[in-house]
C-alpha atoms as a PDB file:
ATOM      1  CA  UNK A   1       0.000   0.000   0.000  1.00  0.00           C
ATOM      2  CA  UNK A   2       1.212   3.489  -0.872  1.00  0.00           C
ATOM      3  CA  UNK A   3      -0.263   6.607   0.738  1.00  0.00           C
ATOM      4  CA  UNK A   4       0.128   9.975  -0.997  1.00  0.00           C
ATOM      5  CA  UNK A   5      -0.089  12.854   1.500  1.00  0.00           C
ATOM      6  CA  UNK A   6      -0.414  16.183  -0.311  1.00  0.00           C
ATOM      7  CA  UNK A   7      -0.275  19.578   1.429  1.00  0.00           C
ATOM      8  CA  UNK A   8      -1.021  22.804  -0.433  1.00  0.00           C
ATOM      9  CA  UNK A   9      -0.447  26.373   0.744  1.00  0.00           C
ATOM     10  CA  UNK A  10      -2.562  29.176  -0.684  1.00  0.00           C
ATOM     11  CA  UNK A  11      -1.875  32.890  -0.696  1.00  0.00           C
ATOM     12  CA  UNK A  12      -3.587  34.548   2.293  1.00  0.00           C
ATOM     13  CA  UNK A  13      -7.229  35.276   1.591  1.00  0.00           C
ATOM     14  CA  UNK A  14      -7.545  32.843  -1.362  1.00  0.00           C
ATOM     15  CA  UNK A  15      -8.154  29.453   0.261  1.00  0.00           C
ATOM     16  CA  UNK A  16     -11.963  29.610   0.097  1.00  0.00           C
ATOM     17  CA  UNK A  17     -11.912  30.738  -3.545  1.00  0.00           C
ATOM     18  CA  UNK A  18      -9.465  27.982  -4.430  1.00  0.00           C
ATOM     19  CA  UNK A  19     -11.502  25.262  -2.708  1.00  0.00           C
ATOM     20  CA  UNK A  20     -14.715  26.552  -4.324  1.00  0.00           C
ATOM     21  CA  UNK A  21     -13.057  26.302  -7.741  1.00  0.00           C
ATOM     22  CA  UNK A  22     -11.865  22.775  -6.933  1.00  0.00           C
ATOM     23  CA  UNK A  23     -15.353  21.727  -5.823  1.00  0.00           C
ATOM     24  CA  UNK A  24     -16.886  23.169  -9.006  1.00  0.00           C
ATOM     25  CA  UNK A  25     -14.344  21.982 -11.614  1.00  0.00           C
ATOM     26  CA  UNK A  26     -11.712  19.689 -10.073  1.00  0.00           C
ATOM     27  CA  UNK A  27     -13.436  17.291  -7.698  1.00  0.00           C
ATOM     28  CA  UNK A  28     -15.400  15.342 -10.294  1.00  0.00           C
ATOM     29  CA  UNK A  29     -12.557  14.549 -12.701  1.00  0.00           C
ATOM     30  CA  UNK A  30     -10.074  13.918  -9.902  1.00  0.00           C
ATOM     31  CA  UNK A  31     -12.256  11.451  -8.041  1.00  0.00           C
ATOM     32  CA  UNK A  32     -13.287   9.819 -11.331  1.00  0.00           C
ATOM     33  CA  UNK A  33      -9.601   9.144 -12.050  1.00  0.00           C
ATOM     34  CA  UNK A  34      -8.152   8.572  -8.573  1.00  0.00           C
ATOM     35  CA  UNK A  35     -11.149   7.335  -6.588  1.00  0.00           C
ATOM     36  CA  UNK A  36     -12.231   8.851  -3.289  1.00  0.00           C
ATOM     37  CA  UNK A  37      -9.510  10.333  -1.076  1.00  0.00           C
ATOM     38  CA  UNK A  38      -8.913   8.941   2.392  1.00  0.00           C
ATOM     39  CA  UNK A  39      -9.185  12.534   3.631  1.00  0.00           C
ATOM     40  CA  UNK A  40      -9.509  16.091   2.288  1.00  0.00           C
ATOM     41  CA  UNK A  41      -9.017  18.617   5.111  1.00  0.00           C
ATOM     42  CA  UNK A  42      -8.408  22.264   5.912  1.00  0.00           C
ATOM     43  CA  UNK A  43      -6.182  23.459   8.744  1.00  0.00           C
ATOM     44  CA  UNK A  44      -7.677  24.621  12.037  1.00  0.00           C
ATOM     45  CA  UNK A  45      -4.406  25.419  13.801  1.00  0.00           C
ATOM     46  CA  UNK A  46      -1.022  26.284  12.375  1.00  0.00           C
ATOM     47  CA  UNK A  47      -0.940  27.682   8.851  1.00  0.00           C
ATOM     48  CA  UNK A  48      -4.621  28.378   8.148  1.00  0.00           C
ATOM     49  CA  UNK A  49      -3.803  28.941   4.472  1.00  0.00           C
ATOM     50  CA  UNK A  50      -3.144  25.220   3.998  1.00  0.00           C
ATOM     51  CA  UNK A  51      -5.218  22.210   3.096  1.00  0.00           C
ATOM     52  CA  UNK A  52      -4.310  18.555   2.765  1.00  0.00           C
ATOM     53  CA  UNK A  53      -5.613  15.551   0.929  1.00  0.00           C
ATOM     54  CA  UNK A  54      -4.576  11.923   1.260  1.00  0.00           C
ATOM     55  CA  UNK A  55      -4.893   9.269  -1.455  1.00  0.00           C
ATOM     56  CA  UNK A  56      -4.396   5.519  -1.059  1.00  0.00           C
ATOM     57  CA  UNK A  57      -2.953   3.363  -3.842  1.00  0.00           C
ATOM     58  CA  UNK A  58      -2.178  -0.334  -4.039  1.00  0.00           C
ATOM     59  CA  UNK A  59       1.430   0.469  -4.995  1.00  0.00           C
ATOM     60  CA  UNK A  60       3.545   2.878  -7.064  1.00  0.00           C
ATOM     61  CA  UNK A  61       2.344   1.388 -10.354  1.00  0.00           C
ATOM     62  CA  UNK A  62      -1.300   1.891  -9.353  1.00  0.00           C
ATOM     63  CA  UNK A  63      -0.552   5.511  -8.433  1.00  0.00           C
ATOM     64  CA  UNK A  64       1.268   6.123 -11.694  1.00  0.00           C
ATOM     65  CA  UNK A  65      -1.542   4.594 -13.761  1.00  0.00           C
ATOM     66  CA  UNK A  66      -4.324   6.546 -12.043  1.00  0.00           C
ATOM     67  CA  UNK A  67      -2.407   9.830 -12.140  1.00  0.00           C
ATOM     68  CA  UNK A  68      -1.634   9.352 -15.861  1.00  0.00           C
ATOM     69  CA  UNK A  69      -5.367   8.916 -16.447  1.00  0.00           C
ATOM     70  CA  UNK A  70      -6.030  12.099 -14.451  1.00  0.00           C
ATOM     71  CA  UNK A  71      -3.482  14.129 -16.441  1.00  0.00           C
ATOM     72  CA  UNK A  72      -5.044  13.003 -19.717  1.00  0.00           C
ATOM     73  CA  UNK A  73      -8.572  13.986 -18.623  1.00  0.00           C
ATOM     74  CA  UNK A  74      -9.761  17.187 -20.409  1.00  0.00           C
ATOM     75  CA  UNK A  75     -11.931  18.218 -17.445  1.00  0.00           C
ATOM     76  CA  UNK A  76      -8.956  17.929 -15.076  1.00  0.00           C
ATOM     77  CA  UNK A  77      -6.773  19.952 -17.442  1.00  0.00           C
ATOM     78  CA  UNK A  78      -9.480  22.644 -17.649  1.00  0.00           C
ATOM     79  CA  UNK A  79      -9.534  22.816 -13.840  1.00  0.00           C
ATOM     80  CA  UNK A  80      -5.728  23.104 -13.681  1.00  0.00           C
ATOM     81  CA  UNK A  81      -5.864  25.969 -16.185  1.00  0.00           C
ATOM     82  CA  UNK A  82      -8.530  27.832 -14.193  1.00  0.00           C
ATOM     83  CA  UNK A  83      -6.617  27.210 -10.963  1.00  0.00           C
ATOM     84  CA  UNK A  84      -3.534  28.761 -12.552  1.00  0.00           C
ATOM     85  CA  UNK A  85      -5.556  31.805 -13.569  1.00  0.00           C
ATOM     86  CA  UNK A  86      -6.828  32.172 -10.002  1.00  0.00           C
ATOM     87  CA  UNK A  87      -3.235  32.139  -8.777  1.00  0.00           C
ATOM     88  CA  UNK A  88      -4.079  31.017  -5.262  1.00  0.00           C
ATOM     89  CA  UNK A  89      -1.476  28.271  -4.842  1.00  0.00           C
ATOM     90  CA  UNK A  90       1.905  29.248  -3.410  1.00  0.00           C
ATOM     91  CA  UNK A  91       3.371  25.866  -2.536  1.00  0.00           C
ATOM     92  CA  UNK A  92       2.758  22.143  -2.830  1.00  0.00           C
ATOM     93  CA  UNK A  93       4.360  19.371  -0.796  1.00  0.00           C
ATOM     94  CA  UNK A  94       3.704  15.686  -1.135  1.00  0.00           C
ATOM     95  CA  UNK A  95       5.002  12.638   0.655  1.00  0.00           C
ATOM     96  CA  UNK A  96       4.600   9.041  -0.419  1.00  0.00           C
ATOM     97  CA  UNK A  97       4.288   6.905   2.696  1.00  0.00           C
ATOM     98  CA  UNK A  98       3.800   3.258   3.634  1.00  0.00           C
ATOM     99  CA  UNK A  99       1.949   2.018   6.725  1.00  0.00           C
ATOM    100  CA  UNK A 100       3.911   0.314   9.489  1.00  0.00           C
ATOM    101  CA  UNK A 101       3.203  -3.337  10.234  1.00  0.00           C
ATOM    102  CA  UNK A 102       1.835  -2.890  13.751  1.00  0.00           C
ATOM    103  CA  UNK A 103      -1.148  -0.688  12.737  1.00  0.00           C
ATOM    104  CA  UNK A 104      -3.640  -1.859  10.128  1.00  0.00           C
ATOM    105  CA  UNK A 105      -3.664   0.263   6.963  1.00  0.00           C
ATOM    106  CA  UNK A 106      -6.676   2.444   6.182  1.00  0.00           C
ATOM    107  CA  UNK A 107      -9.390   0.897   4.051  1.00  0.00           C
END
């Protein structure tokens, strides 16, 4: 199992606009290609201009296949273009992680 933890930082004052754009244009193609995320969350403490989403894949090949499908989807590409025009994103971090053996992996 491979877990993709993605953290995004928006310019101050743009998080709500960015998430509204994602809900309108990005959510449908992304979930169609990647499936449902394990979590999609905003920050309550710390950097309140950040949000995080977590995706679960069988392995690196599964991740690569699903993400290739996403990046060939015209609706996803239209969302990415509109997101760029909005200019809300400042930074993206992602970590690929594997569960430890003594805790069951998420389902």
